[in-house]
Amino acid sequence: MKIVVLSGSRVGSKTRTAMDYTFKVIREQYPEINVTLIDLTDYDIQFSDGRNYSEYEGDTKYVAQMIMDADALIIGTPIFQASIPATLKNIFDLLPVNAFLDKVVSMIVTAGSSKHYLVAEQQLKPILSYMKAQIVQTYVFIEEKDFYRKEITNDDVIFRINRLVEDTVVLTKTFATIRAEKEEEYGF
């Protein structure tokens, strides 16, 4: 199983802190899983210009290919101006419409206040659904007050991230089993 943990912003530290913790949980609790952390800060991603993701080069092609090859994604995003950042939207724009077909996708959202709680429901989930993702319905919402010096300080948030990781892994295994049984029974 391949899981990509995607930190979907080039600015700030809270989303990266949450994704670092998520990555650590997967590595410690599921050592058999091939997990990759992609922080968009570390890559020079081109703007989408409509061509196929495989036609890009360098960092853009690497990130797109890693996402396409994954069985599951855990996407972390901050909320800026009541919206997901353009860097994350650009990643979605680079990929084909069915990029998340047969992939499990879960979300971790960081925000300055509880006022942004529904952005995942109103913006992120519709994009992921359009791209055919099997979405883990619960997501982790983390506020400014849950961090201190680049550490998550809220035990409930830690519990919810651990649970999100577990749900993502279990759902990914379940869908893989269902697909394998269908292929065996129906030959497709």
Protein backbone atom coordinates (compact mmCIF):
# COMPACT_ATOMS: atom_id res chain seq x y z
CA MET A 1 0.00 0.00 0.00
CA LYS A 2 1.24 3.47 -0.91
CA ILE A 3 0.07 6.53 0.98
CA VAL A 4 0.99 10.11 0.13
CA VAL A 5 0.78 12.65 2.94
CA LEU A 6 0.42 16.01 1.18
CA SER A 7 1.06 19.32 2.92
CA GLY A 8 -0.81 21.59 0.55
CA SER A 9 0.64 25.03 1.19
CA ARG A 10 3.88 26.90 0.65
CA VAL A 11 3.46 29.24 3.62
CA GLY A 12 2.96 28.85 7.35
CA SER A 13 3.95 26.00 9.63
CA LYS A 14 0.79 24.60 11.19
CA THR A 15 -0.27 22.40 8.29
CA ARG A 16 3.27 21.06 7.98
CA THR A 17 3.35 20.37 11.72
CA ALA A 18 0.10 18.38 11.44
CA MET A 19 1.32 16.49 8.39
CA ASP A 20 4.68 15.69 10.00
CA TYR A 21 2.79 14.18 12.92
CA THR A 22 0.51 12.23 10.54
CA PHE A 23 3.52 10.90 8.63
CA LYS A 24 5.15 9.83 11.92
CA VAL A 25 1.99 8.00 13.02
CA ILE A 26 1.84 6.02 9.76
CA ARG A 27 5.54 5.09 9.92
CA GLU A 28 5.31 3.97 13.55
CA GLN A 29 1.94 2.19 13.50
CA TYR A 30 2.06 0.77 9.96
CA PRO A 31 5.73 0.09 9.09
CA GLU A 32 4.66 -2.13 6.19
CA ILE A 33 3.08 0.85 4.38
CA ASN A 34 5.10 2.79 1.83
CA VAL A 35 4.42 6.39 2.94
CA THR A 36 5.76 9.57 1.36
CA LEU A 37 5.45 13.08 2.75
CA ILE A 38 5.15 15.75 0.09
CA ASP A 39 5.38 19.33 1.36
CA LEU A 40 4.69 21.75 -1.49
CA THR A 41 7.21 24.14 0.09
CA ASP A 42 9.97 21.74 -1.00
CA TYR A 43 8.98 21.63 -4.67
CA ASP A 44 8.90 24.02 -7.60
CA ILE A 45 5.51 23.23 -9.09
CA GLN A 46 4.49 24.74 -12.43
CA PHE A 47 1.04 26.22 -12.91
CA SER A 48 -1.36 23.90 -14.67
CA ASP A 49 -1.68 24.74 -18.35
CA GLY A 50 -4.06 21.97 -19.33
CA ARG A 51 -1.63 19.35 -20.59
CA ASN A 52 -1.48 15.79 -19.27
CA TYR A 53 0.33 15.50 -15.94
CA SER A 54 2.83 13.07 -17.48
CA GLU A 55 4.02 15.74 -19.93
CA TYR A 56 5.38 17.99 -17.19
CA GLU A 57 8.97 17.70 -16.04
CA GLY A 58 10.91 18.01 -12.81
CA ASP A 59 9.13 18.59 -9.53
CA THR A 60 5.73 18.99 -11.17
CA LYS A 61 5.90 15.59 -12.82
CA TYR A 62 7.32 13.96 -9.67
CA VAL A 63 4.57 15.25 -7.37
CA ALA A 64 1.78 14.47 -9.86
CA GLN A 65 3.13 10.96 -10.49
CA MET A 66 3.50 10.24 -6.77
CA ILE A 67 -0.15 11.20 -6.25
CA MET A 68 -1.31 9.17 -9.24
CA ASP A 69 0.62 6.10 -8.01
CA ALA A 70 -0.74 6.31 -4.45
CA ASP A 71 -3.47 4.07 -3.10
CA ALA A 72 -4.46 6.73 -0.57
CA LEU A 73 -3.81 10.38 0.17
CA ILE A 74 -4.03 12.34 3.36
CA ILE A 75 -4.30 15.95 2.31
CA GLY A 76 -3.42 18.73 4.70
CA THR A 77 -4.52 22.25 3.94
CA PRO A 78 -4.66 25.55 5.71
CA ILE A 79 -7.61 27.86 5.16
CA PHE A 80 -6.71 31.30 3.83
CA GLN A 81 -9.38 33.94 3.22
CA ALA A 82 -12.08 31.28 3.73
CA SER A 83 -10.64 29.07 0.99
CA ILE A 84 -8.06 26.40 0.24
CA PRO A 85 -4.72 27.81 -0.98
CA ALA A 86 -4.02 28.18 -4.70
CA THR A 87 -1.01 25.86 -4.41
CA LEU A 88 -3.31 22.97 -3.45
CA LYS A 89 -5.90 23.85 -6.09
CA ASN A 90 -3.11 23.91 -8.68
CA ILE A 91 -2.18 20.32 -7.73
CA PHE A 92 -5.77 19.27 -8.39
CA ASP A 93 -5.75 21.16 -11.70
CA LEU A 94 -2.62 19.29 -12.83
CA LEU A 95 -4.35 15.93 -12.47
CA PRO A 96 -7.00 14.27 -14.66
CA VAL A 97 -10.65 14.35 -13.63
CA ASN A 98 -10.56 10.70 -12.50
CA ALA A 99 -7.22 11.00 -10.69
CA PHE A 100 -8.65 9.75 -7.41
CA LEU A 101 -10.67 6.87 -8.83
CA ASP A 102 -10.12 3.88 -6.52
CA LYS A 103 -8.13 6.04 -4.08
CA VAL A 104 -9.04 6.80 -0.50
CA VAL A 105 -8.58 10.44 0.40
CA SER A 106 -8.74 11.97 3.85
CA MET A 107 -8.26 15.54 5.06
CA ILE A 108 -6.61 17.54 7.79
CA VAL A 109 -7.55 21.21 7.87
CA THR A 110 -5.78 23.96 9.81
CA ALA A 111 -7.35 27.35 10.37
CA GLY A 112 -7.07 30.43 12.52
CA SER A 113 -10.54 30.03 13.97
CA SER A 114 -13.60 27.80 14.04
CA LYS A 115 -15.27 30.11 11.52
CA HIS A 116 -13.58 28.14 8.73
CA TYR A 117 -14.80 24.71 9.83
CA LEU A 118 -17.10 24.16 6.85
CA VAL A 119 -14.58 25.05 4.13
CA ALA A 120 -13.65 21.36 3.83
CA GLU A 121 -17.33 20.48 3.36
CA GLN A 122 -18.06 23.28 0.92
CA GLN A 123 -14.87 23.35 -1.15
CA LEU A 124 -12.56 20.42 -0.64
CA LYS A 125 -15.04 17.53 -0.55
CA PRO A 126 -16.78 18.62 -3.78
CA ILE A 127 -13.44 18.78 -5.62
CA LEU A 128 -12.42 15.36 -4.31
CA SER A 129 -15.82 13.88 -5.18
CA TYR A 130 -15.60 15.31 -8.69
CA MET A 131 -12.20 13.64 -9.06
CA LYS A 132 -13.80 10.30 -7.99
CA ALA A 133 -12.18 9.93 -4.54
CA GLN A 134 -13.42 7.56 -1.89
CA ILE A 135 -13.51 10.20 0.85
CA VAL A 136 -13.06 9.44 4.52
CA GLN A 137 -16.08 11.40 5.70
CA THR A 138 -14.68 12.62 8.99
CA TYR A 139 -11.77 15.01 8.82
CA VAL A 140 -9.52 16.63 11.38
CA PHE A 141 -9.99 20.36 11.89
CA ILE A 142 -7.25 22.06 13.88
CA GLU A 143 -7.41 25.62 15.13
CA GLU A 144 -4.63 28.07 15.94
CA LYS A 145 -5.16 27.47 19.66
CA ASP A 146 -4.27 23.77 19.26
CA PHE A 147 -0.62 24.57 18.44
CA TYR A 148 2.25 25.89 20.48
CA ARG A 149 5.79 26.30 19.12
CA LYS A 150 5.24 23.99 16.16
CA GLU A 151 3.71 21.25 18.31
CA ILE A 152 0.12 20.04 18.53
CA THR A 153 -0.92 20.59 22.14
CA ASN A 154 -4.51 19.37 22.07
CA ASP A 155 -4.80 15.68 23.02
CA ASP A 156 -8.15 15.43 21.23
CA VAL A 157 -6.54 16.58 17.97
CA ILE A 158 -3.81 13.95 18.40
CA PHE A 159 -6.48 11.31 19.01
CA ARG A 160 -8.42 12.41 15.91
CA ILE A 161 -5.32 12.33 13.69
CA ASN A 162 -4.52 8.82 14.93
CA ARG A 163 -8.09 7.79 14.19
CA LEU A 164 -8.01 9.41 10.74
CA VAL A 165 -4.86 7.47 9.88
CA GLU A 166 -6.48 4.24 11.06
CA ASP A 167 -9.68 4.94 9.11
CA THR A 168 -7.66 5.74 5.98
CA VAL A 169 -5.65 2.53 6.20
CA VAL A 170 -8.66 0.32 6.97
CA LEU A 171 -10.74 1.85 4.17
CA THR A 172 -7.88 1.52 1.68
CA LYS A 173 -7.42 -2.17 2.57
CA THR A 174 -11.17 -2.75 2.37
CA PHE A 175 -11.51 -1.19 -1.08
CA ALA A 176 -8.47 -3.14 -2.32
CA THR A 177 -10.10 -6.39 -1.15
CA ILE A 178 -13.40 -5.50 -2.80
CA ARG A 179 -11.64 -4.63 -6.09
CA ALA A 180 -9.66 -7.88 -6.02
CA GLU A 181 -12.82 -9.93 -5.40
CA LYS A 182 -14.60 -8.15 -8.28
CA GLU A 183 -11.67 -8.79 -10.60
CA GLU A 184 -11.63 -12.45 -9.64
CA GLU A 185 -15.38 -12.87 -9.98
CA TYR A 186 -16.05 -10.72 -13.05
CA GLY A 187 -12.67 -10.58 -14.72
CA PHE A 188 -12.37 -6.78 -14.72
